């Protein structure tokens, strides 16, 4: 099984995937989001079969270590309704994910979902009230998107857009740790996750763990100026996904 897996992928693809995973995991550690928005489109360009299963599998580990590091900063009052919504949304999305993967249109769908997510993320909104209702709705939207295409960060980015970065890092990383685990279980139950996704995921763990460790040294250099660059790069990759899904490239 392992030999058959390695016969399907080139060494250059593995190195490129390592780099993508390192960058996406670093963003997740530093900002409390960014794993799916960065990893999903670029890994999908390498192999669309990785979406959403491998993204969800790795998303658990990308958020796990930062969630432990920033655990003391979690605001439980708003975390509880968020994670309740995430679980609810993931359950709703399970069978939809199975249908989308079987349709063979995953590249077009993830590209369009990402473009909308990026557009929404780029818009600066007034401070959203941090109440249980809003966090439940944001969590539900995240659960649906995160389970279907592996990208559930945009709703949480919107609701936390003007909040303290330390709270965002703490709440979102624990949110995505638990949320990814729930989505993973649901994707298994509907038959979306295969052995290939798990093996590929384990192969990508070294750069992911390395990013989780090194990100703490980059914390002092993070700046809002990075956001436009990240969104621009992800926009390009999303457009390429849509074009490839339409057989234009």
C-alpha atoms as a PDB file:
ATOM      1  CA  UNK A   1       0.000   0.000   0.000  1.00  0.00           C
ATOM      2  CA  UNK A   2       2.802   2.428   0.923  1.00  0.00           C
ATOM      3  CA  UNK A   3       4.794   1.491  -2.188  1.00  0.00           C
ATOM      4  CA  UNK A   4       1.742   2.026  -4.354  1.00  0.00           C
ATOM      5  CA  UNK A   5       1.228   5.454  -2.785  1.00  0.00           C
ATOM      6  CA  UNK A   6       4.775   6.655  -3.466  1.00  0.00           C
ATOM      7  CA  UNK A   7       4.578   5.401  -7.028  1.00  0.00           C
ATOM      8  CA  UNK A   8       1.740   7.882  -7.599  1.00  0.00           C
ATOM      9  CA  UNK A   9       3.557  11.061  -6.556  1.00  0.00           C
ATOM     10  CA  UNK A  10       6.798  12.686  -7.681  1.00  0.00           C
ATOM     11  CA  UNK A  11       9.528  13.810  -5.282  1.00  0.00           C
ATOM     12  CA  UNK A  12       9.224  17.385  -6.583  1.00  0.00           C
ATOM     13  CA  UNK A  13       5.515  17.341  -5.709  1.00  0.00           C
ATOM     14  CA  UNK A  14       6.319  16.263  -2.154  1.00  0.00           C
ATOM     15  CA  UNK A  15       8.848  19.097  -1.728  1.00  0.00           C
ATOM     16  CA  UNK A  16       6.383  21.654  -3.054  1.00  0.00           C
ATOM     17  CA  UNK A  17       3.661  20.282  -0.779  1.00  0.00           C
ATOM     18  CA  UNK A  18       6.077  20.561   2.182  1.00  0.00           C
ATOM     19  CA  UNK A  19       6.551  24.251   1.438  1.00  0.00           C
ATOM     20  CA  UNK A  20       2.805  24.885   1.097  1.00  0.00           C
ATOM     21  CA  UNK A  21       2.061  23.076   4.360  1.00  0.00           C
ATOM     22  CA  UNK A  22       4.797  24.993   6.186  1.00  0.00           C
ATOM     23  CA  UNK A  23       3.468  28.393   5.068  1.00  0.00           C
ATOM     24  CA  UNK A  24      -0.173  27.514   5.752  1.00  0.00           C
ATOM     25  CA  UNK A  25       0.589  26.045   9.181  1.00  0.00           C
ATOM     26  CA  UNK A  26       2.657  29.109  10.109  1.00  0.00           C
ATOM     27  CA  UNK A  27      -0.263  31.376   9.197  1.00  0.00           C
ATOM     28  CA  UNK A  28      -2.617  29.253  11.299  1.00  0.00           C
ATOM     29  CA  UNK A  29      -0.335  29.499  14.318  1.00  0.00           C
ATOM     30  CA  UNK A  30       0.228  33.229  13.983  1.00  0.00           C
ATOM     31  CA  UNK A  31      -3.245  34.462  13.055  1.00  0.00           C
ATOM     32  CA  UNK A  32      -5.576  31.739  14.335  1.00  0.00           C
ATOM     33  CA  UNK A  33      -6.744  31.113  10.761  1.00  0.00           C
ATOM     34  CA  UNK A  34      -5.311  30.750   7.275  1.00  0.00           C
ATOM     35  CA  UNK A  35      -4.612  27.023   7.114  1.00  0.00           C
ATOM     36  CA  UNK A  36      -7.443  26.131   4.743  1.00  0.00           C
ATOM     37  CA  UNK A  37      -7.387  29.344   2.742  1.00  0.00           C
ATOM     38  CA  UNK A  38      -3.706  28.829   1.875  1.00  0.00           C
ATOM     39  CA  UNK A  39      -3.303  25.049   1.869  1.00  0.00           C
ATOM     40  CA  UNK A  40      -6.530  24.085   0.084  1.00  0.00           C
ATOM     41  CA  UNK A  41      -6.092  25.927  -3.240  1.00  0.00           C
ATOM     42  CA  UNK A  42      -2.367  25.226  -3.614  1.00  0.00           C
ATOM     43  CA  UNK A  43      -2.547  21.551  -2.632  1.00  0.00           C
ATOM     44  CA  UNK A  44      -5.601  21.199  -4.882  1.00  0.00           C
ATOM     45  CA  UNK A  45      -3.511  22.473  -7.785  1.00  0.00           C
ATOM     46  CA  UNK A  46      -1.088  19.638  -7.051  1.00  0.00           C
ATOM     47  CA  UNK A  47      -3.792  17.039  -6.513  1.00  0.00           C
ATOM     48  CA  UNK A  48      -7.535  17.896  -6.302  1.00  0.00           C
ATOM     49  CA  UNK A  49      -8.152  14.478  -4.734  1.00  0.00           C
ATOM     50  CA  UNK A  50      -6.687  15.852  -1.476  1.00  0.00           C
ATOM     51  CA  UNK A  51      -9.734  18.096  -0.968  1.00  0.00           C
ATOM     52  CA  UNK A  52     -11.346  18.105   1.514  1.00  0.00           C
ATOM     53  CA  UNK A  53     -10.038  14.997   3.282  1.00  0.00           C
ATOM     54  CA  UNK A  54      -6.296  15.650   3.644  1.00  0.00           C
ATOM     55  CA  UNK A  55      -6.880  19.346   4.354  1.00  0.00           C
ATOM     56  CA  UNK A  56      -9.255  18.481   7.199  1.00  0.00           C
ATOM     57  CA  UNK A  57      -6.900  15.795   8.539  1.00  0.00           C
ATOM     58  CA  UNK A  58      -3.919  18.157   8.619  1.00  0.00           C
ATOM     59  CA  UNK A  59      -6.051  21.056   9.844  1.00  0.00           C
ATOM     60  CA  UNK A  60      -6.459  19.286  13.175  1.00  0.00           C
ATOM     61  CA  UNK A  61      -2.692  19.177  13.733  1.00  0.00           C
ATOM     62  CA  UNK A  62      -2.115  22.684  12.338  1.00  0.00           C
ATOM     63  CA  UNK A  63      -4.370  24.137  15.036  1.00  0.00           C
ATOM     64  CA  UNK A  64      -3.575  21.673  17.844  1.00  0.00           C
ATOM     65  CA  UNK A  65      -0.213  22.964  19.041  1.00  0.00           C
ATOM     66  CA  UNK A  66      -1.113  26.671  18.838  1.00  0.00           C
ATOM     67  CA  UNK A  67      -4.301  25.907  20.770  1.00  0.00           C
ATOM     68  CA  UNK A  68      -2.199  24.434  23.565  1.00  0.00           C
ATOM     69  CA  UNK A  69       0.266  27.339  23.474  1.00  0.00           C
ATOM     70  CA  UNK A  70      -2.458  30.015  23.697  1.00  0.00           C
ATOM     71  CA  UNK A  71      -4.945  28.056  25.824  1.00  0.00           C
ATOM     72  CA  UNK A  72      -4.770  30.554  28.711  1.00  0.00           C
ATOM     73  CA  UNK A  73      -6.121  33.342  26.471  1.00  0.00           C
ATOM     74  CA  UNK A  74      -9.342  31.556  25.440  1.00  0.00           C
ATOM     75  CA  UNK A  75     -12.596  33.384  26.079  1.00  0.00           C
ATOM     76  CA  UNK A  76     -14.959  30.534  26.884  1.00  0.00           C
ATOM     77  CA  UNK A  77     -18.141  32.615  26.821  1.00  0.00           C
ATOM     78  CA  UNK A  78     -17.913  33.102  23.059  1.00  0.00           C
ATOM     79  CA  UNK A  79     -16.044  29.868  22.325  1.00  0.00           C
ATOM     80  CA  UNK A  80     -18.858  27.554  23.430  1.00  0.00           C
ATOM     81  CA  UNK A  81     -21.529  28.816  20.976  1.00  0.00           C
ATOM     82  CA  UNK A  82     -18.933  28.913  18.187  1.00  0.00           C
ATOM     83  CA  UNK A  83     -17.937  25.279  18.575  1.00  0.00           C
ATOM     84  CA  UNK A  84     -21.587  24.250  18.971  1.00  0.00           C
ATOM     85  CA  UNK A  85     -22.299  25.891  15.619  1.00  0.00           C
ATOM     86  CA  UNK A  86     -19.246  24.239  14.062  1.00  0.00           C
ATOM     87  CA  UNK A  87     -20.450  20.778  15.081  1.00  0.00           C
ATOM     88  CA  UNK A  88     -23.972  21.517  13.834  1.00  0.00           C
ATOM     89  CA  UNK A  89     -22.694  22.843  10.498  1.00  0.00           C
ATOM     90  CA  UNK A  90     -20.360  19.873  10.017  1.00  0.00           C
ATOM     91  CA  UNK A  91     -23.215  17.424  10.492  1.00  0.00           C
ATOM     92  CA  UNK A  92     -25.308  19.316   7.924  1.00  0.00           C
ATOM     93  CA  UNK A  93     -22.444  19.286   5.428  1.00  0.00           C
ATOM     94  CA  UNK A  94     -21.444  15.612   5.592  1.00  0.00           C
ATOM     95  CA  UNK A  95     -23.601  14.231   2.785  1.00  0.00           C
ATOM     96  CA  UNK A  96     -23.116  17.369   0.691  1.00  0.00           C
ATOM     97  CA  UNK A  97     -19.345  16.784   0.836  1.00  0.00           C
ATOM     98  CA  UNK A  98     -19.792  13.193  -0.350  1.00  0.00           C
ATOM     99  CA  UNK A  99     -21.879  14.384  -3.310  1.00  0.00           C
ATOM    100  CA  UNK A 100     -19.408  17.121  -4.301  1.00  0.00           C
ATOM    101  CA  UNK A 101     -16.404  14.802  -4.182  1.00  0.00           C
ATOM    102  CA  UNK A 102     -18.265  12.243  -6.300  1.00  0.00           C
ATOM    103  CA  UNK A 103     -19.300  14.917  -8.819  1.00  0.00           C
ATOM    104  CA  UNK A 104     -15.729  15.484  -9.997  1.00  0.00           C
ATOM    105  CA  UNK A 105     -16.251  19.265  -9.834  1.00  0.00           C
ATOM    106  CA  UNK A 106     -14.264  19.839  -6.655  1.00  0.00           C
ATOM    107  CA  UNK A 107     -11.772  22.202  -8.331  1.00  0.00           C
ATOM    108  CA  UNK A 108     -14.459  24.583  -9.583  1.00  0.00           C
ATOM    109  CA  UNK A 109     -16.395  24.478  -6.318  1.00  0.00           C
ATOM    110  CA  UNK A 110     -13.435  25.078  -4.031  1.00  0.00           C
ATOM    111  CA  UNK A 111     -12.155  27.835  -6.320  1.00  0.00           C
ATOM    112  CA  UNK A 112     -15.483  29.675  -6.249  1.00  0.00           C
ATOM    113  CA  UNK A 113     -15.939  29.184  -2.493  1.00  0.00           C
ATOM    114  CA  UNK A 114     -12.443  30.521  -1.874  1.00  0.00           C
ATOM    115  CA  UNK A 115     -12.937  33.548  -4.112  1.00  0.00           C
ATOM    116  CA  UNK A 116     -16.109  34.469  -2.221  1.00  0.00           C
ATOM    117  CA  UNK A 117     -14.359  33.841   1.117  1.00  0.00           C
ATOM    118  CA  UNK A 118     -11.411  35.995   0.085  1.00  0.00           C
ATOM    119  CA  UNK A 119     -13.693  38.803  -1.089  1.00  0.00           C
ATOM    120  CA  UNK A 120     -15.561  38.743   2.214  1.00  0.00           C
ATOM    121  CA  UNK A 121     -12.316  38.556   4.215  1.00  0.00           C
ATOM    122  CA  UNK A 122     -10.917  41.563   2.366  1.00  0.00           C
ATOM    123  CA  UNK A 123     -13.850  43.756   3.364  1.00  0.00           C
ATOM    124  CA  UNK A 124     -13.425  45.690   6.583  1.00  0.00           C
ATOM    125  CA  UNK A 125     -16.633  45.708   8.592  1.00  0.00           C
ATOM    126  CA  UNK A 126     -17.745  47.432  11.745  1.00  0.00           C
ATOM    127  CA  UNK A 127     -17.094  45.598  14.967  1.00  0.00           C
ATOM    128  CA  UNK A 128     -19.556  42.706  15.178  1.00  0.00           C
ATOM    129  CA  UNK A 129     -21.252  42.157  18.511  1.00  0.00           C
ATOM    130  CA  UNK A 130     -19.548  39.285  20.325  1.00  0.00           C
ATOM    131  CA  UNK A 131     -22.674  37.481  21.451  1.00  0.00           C
ATOM    132  CA  UNK A 132     -23.704  33.823  21.503  1.00  0.00           C
ATOM    133  CA  UNK A 133     -26.054  34.103  18.518  1.00  0.00           C
ATOM    134  CA  UNK A 134     -23.484  35.627  16.174  1.00  0.00           C
ATOM    135  CA  UNK A 135     -20.827  33.133  17.206  1.00  0.00           C
ATOM    136  CA  UNK A 136     -23.200  30.211  16.706  1.00  0.00           C
ATOM    137  CA  UNK A 137     -24.044  31.390  13.165  1.00  0.00           C
ATOM    138  CA  UNK A 138     -20.366  31.974  12.336  1.00  0.00           C
ATOM    139  CA  UNK A 139     -19.469  28.561  13.714  1.00  0.00           C
ATOM    140  CA  UNK A 140     -22.239  26.904  11.682  1.00  0.00           C
ATOM    141  CA  UNK A 141     -21.052  28.554   8.453  1.00  0.00           C
ATOM    142  CA  UNK A 142     -17.493  27.501   9.255  1.00  0.00           C
ATOM    143  CA  UNK A 143     -18.607  23.919   9.865  1.00  0.00           C
ATOM    144  CA  UNK A 144     -20.406  23.733   6.526  1.00  0.00           C
ATOM    145  CA  UNK A 145     -17.545  25.221   4.494  1.00  0.00           C
ATOM    146  CA  UNK A 146     -14.827  23.442   6.455  1.00  0.00           C
ATOM    147  CA  UNK A 147     -16.386  20.023   5.948  1.00  0.00           C
ATOM    148  CA  UNK A 148     -17.305  20.479   2.279  1.00  0.00           C
ATOM    149  CA  UNK A 149     -14.087  22.058   0.950  1.00  0.00           C
ATOM    150  CA  UNK A 150     -11.727  22.228   3.945  1.00  0.00           C
ATOM    151  CA  UNK A 151     -11.886  26.039   4.178  1.00  0.00           C
ATOM    152  CA  UNK A 152     -13.811  27.236   7.228  1.00  0.00           C
ATOM    153  CA  UNK A 153     -11.816  30.277   8.266  1.00  0.00           C
ATOM    154  CA  UNK A 154     -13.673  33.129   6.568  1.00  0.00           C
ATOM    155  CA  UNK A 155     -16.748  33.250   8.865  1.00  0.00           C
ATOM    156  CA  UNK A 156     -14.544  33.244  11.961  1.00  0.00           C
ATOM    157  CA  UNK A 157     -12.241  35.845  10.440  1.00  0.00           C
ATOM    158  CA  UNK A 158     -15.205  38.145   9.888  1.00  0.00           C
ATOM    159  CA  UNK A 159     -16.617  37.897  13.392  1.00  0.00           C
ATOM    160  CA  UNK A 160     -13.179  38.350  14.990  1.00  0.00           C
ATOM    161  CA  UNK A 161     -11.956  40.972  12.519  1.00  0.00           C
ATOM    162  CA  UNK A 162     -11.636  43.798  15.047  1.00  0.00           C
ATOM    163  CA  UNK A 163     -10.880  41.758  18.172  1.00  0.00           C
ATOM    164  CA  UNK A 164      -7.703  41.362  20.229  1.00  0.00           C
ATOM    165  CA  UNK A 165      -5.232  39.198  18.210  1.00  0.00           C
ATOM    166  CA  UNK A 166      -4.295  37.113  21.262  1.00  0.00           C
ATOM    167  CA  UNK A 167      -7.961  36.164  21.804  1.00  0.00           C
ATOM    168  CA  UNK A 168      -8.404  35.397  18.109  1.00  0.00           C
ATOM    169  CA  UNK A 169      -5.350  33.112  18.081  1.00  0.00           C
ATOM    170  CA  UNK A 170      -6.478  31.282  21.216  1.00  0.00           C
ATOM    171  CA  UNK A 171     -10.171  30.862  20.397  1.00  0.00           C
ATOM    172  CA  UNK A 172      -9.773  30.074  16.720  1.00  0.00           C
ATOM    173  CA  UNK A 173      -6.996  27.518  17.119  1.00  0.00           C
ATOM    174  CA  UNK A 174      -8.970  25.503  19.676  1.00  0.00           C
ATOM    175  CA  UNK A 175     -12.080  25.999  17.520  1.00  0.00           C
ATOM    176  CA  UNK A 176     -10.340  24.544  14.457  1.00  0.00           C
ATOM    177  CA  UNK A 177      -8.722  21.742  16.469  1.00  0.00           C
ATOM    178  CA  UNK A 178     -12.090  20.435  17.646  1.00  0.00           C
ATOM    179  CA  UNK A 179     -13.889  21.422  14.445  1.00  0.00           C
ATOM    180  CA  UNK A 180     -11.422  19.614  12.183  1.00  0.00           C
ATOM    181  CA  UNK A 181     -11.696  16.480  14.306  1.00  0.00           C
ATOM    182  CA  UNK A 182     -15.507  16.569  14.039  1.00  0.00           C
ATOM    183  CA  UNK A 183     -15.368  17.156  10.259  1.00  0.00           C
ATOM    184  CA  UNK A 184     -12.852  14.311   9.914  1.00  0.00           C
ATOM    185  CA  UNK A 185     -15.137  11.877  11.745  1.00  0.00           C
ATOM    186  CA  UNK A 186     -18.110  12.921   9.615  1.00  0.00           C
ATOM    187  CA  UNK A 187     -16.142  12.577   6.362  1.00  0.00           C
ATOM    188  CA  UNK A 188     -15.134   9.060   7.411  1.00  0.00           C
ATOM    189  CA  UNK A 189     -18.751   8.187   8.193  1.00  0.00           C
ATOM    190  CA  UNK A 190     -19.919   9.211   4.705  1.00  0.00           C
ATOM    191  CA  UNK A 191     -17.052   7.397   2.977  1.00  0.00           C
ATOM    192  CA  UNK A 192     -15.147  10.426   1.664  1.00  0.00           C
ATOM    193  CA  UNK A 193     -11.801   9.760   3.397  1.00  0.00           C
ATOM    194  CA  UNK A 194      -9.614   7.011   1.897  1.00  0.00           C
ATOM    195  CA  UNK A 195      -6.231   5.478   2.743  1.00  0.00           C
ATOM    196  CA  UNK A 196      -4.506   7.759   0.221  1.00  0.00           C
ATOM    197  CA  UNK A 197      -5.626  10.868   2.130  1.00  0.00           C
ATOM    198  CA  UNK A 198      -4.338   9.545   5.456  1.00  0.00           C
ATOM    199  CA  UNK A 199      -0.942   8.480   4.096  1.00  0.00           C
ATOM    200  CA  UNK A 200      -0.493  11.825   2.343  1.00  0.00           C
ATOM    201  CA  UNK A 201      -1.476  13.570   5.558  1.00  0.00           C
ATOM    202  CA  UNK A 202       1.079  11.712   7.664  1.00  0.00           C
ATOM    203  CA  UNK A 203       3.733  12.502   5.051  1.00  0.00           C
ATOM    204  CA  UNK A 204       3.008  16.223   5.507  1.00  0.00           C
ATOM    205  CA  UNK A 205       3.244  16.232   9.314  1.00  0.00           C
ATOM    206  CA  UNK A 206       7.000  17.049   9.612  1.00  0.00           C
ATOM    207  CA  UNK A 207       6.784  20.488   7.913  1.00  0.00           C
ATOM    208  CA  UNK A 208       3.534  21.154   9.761  1.00  0.00           C
ATOM    209  CA  UNK A 209       5.080  20.437  13.165  1.00  0.00           C
ATOM    210  CA  UNK A 210       8.164  22.459  12.237  1.00  0.00           C
ATOM    211  CA  UNK A 211       5.957  25.432  11.337  1.00  0.00           C
ATOM    212  CA  UNK A 212       4.067  25.149  14.635  1.00  0.00           C
ATOM    213  CA  UNK A 213       7.393  25.342  16.468  1.00  0.00           C
ATOM    214  CA  UNK A 214       9.052  28.137  14.474  1.00  0.00           C
ATOM    215  CA  UNK A 215       5.954  30.349  14.358  1.00  0.00           C
ATOM    216  CA  UNK A 216       6.504  31.518  17.938  1.00  0.00           C
ATOM    217  CA  UNK A 217       9.704  33.222  16.795  1.00  0.00           C
ATOM    218  CA  UNK A 218       7.814  35.061  14.041  1.00  0.00           C
ATOM    219  CA  UNK A 219       5.050  36.399  16.268  1.00  0.00           C
ATOM    220  CA  UNK A 220       6.776  39.739  16.873  1.00  0.00           C
ATOM    221  CA  UNK A 221       7.046  40.336  13.108  1.00  0.00           C
ATOM    222  CA  UNK A 222       3.431  39.688  12.184  1.00  0.00           C
ATOM    223  CA  UNK A 223       1.628  42.662  10.756  1.00  0.00           C
ATOM    224  CA  UNK A 224      -1.671  43.501   9.096  1.00  0.00           C
ATOM    225  CA  UNK A 225       0.333  44.293   5.993  1.00  0.00           C
ATOM    226  CA  UNK A 226       0.625  40.540   5.394  1.00  0.00           C
ATOM    227  CA  UNK A 227      -3.120  40.165   4.902  1.00  0.00           C
ATOM    228  CA  UNK A 228      -3.302  41.767   1.413  1.00  0.00           C
ATOM    229  CA  UNK A 229      -0.402  39.608   0.200  1.00  0.00           C
ATOM    230  CA  UNK A 230      -1.961  36.398   1.507  1.00  0.00           C
ATOM    231  CA  UNK A 231      -5.355  37.241   0.018  1.00  0.00           C
ATOM    232  CA  UNK A 232      -3.805  38.186  -3.331  1.00  0.00           C
ATOM    233  CA  UNK A 233      -1.847  34.946  -3.631  1.00  0.00           C
ATOM    234  CA  UNK A 234      -4.862  32.869  -2.630  1.00  0.00           C
ATOM    235  CA  UNK A 235      -7.019  34.724  -5.178  1.00  0.00           C
ATOM    236  CA  UNK A 236      -4.636  33.791  -7.972  1.00  0.00           C
ATOM    237  CA  UNK A 237      -4.532  30.134  -6.930  1.00  0.00           C
ATOM    238  CA  UNK A 238      -8.342  30.036  -6.665  1.00  0.00           C
ATOM    239  CA  UNK A 239      -8.738  31.472 -10.159  1.00  0.00           C
ATOM    240  CA  UNK A 240      -6.309  28.871 -11.482  1.00  0.00           C
ATOM    241  CA  UNK A 241      -8.374  26.132  -9.821  1.00  0.00           C
ATOM    242  CA  UNK A 242     -11.565  27.353 -11.484  1.00  0.00           C
ATOM    243  CA  UNK A 243      -9.831  27.608 -14.859  1.00  0.00           C
ATOM    244  CA  UNK A 244      -8.417  24.098 -14.541  1.00  0.00           C
ATOM    245  CA  UNK A 245     -11.815  22.750 -13.491  1.00  0.00           C
ATOM    246  CA  UNK A 246     -13.253  24.278 -16.689  1.00  0.00           C
ATOM    247  CA  UNK A 247     -10.385  22.721 -18.738  1.00  0.00           C
ATOM    248  CA  UNK A 248      -9.084  26.157 -19.692  1.00  0.00           C
ATOM    249  CA  UNK A 249      -5.536  25.322 -18.554  1.00  0.00           C
END
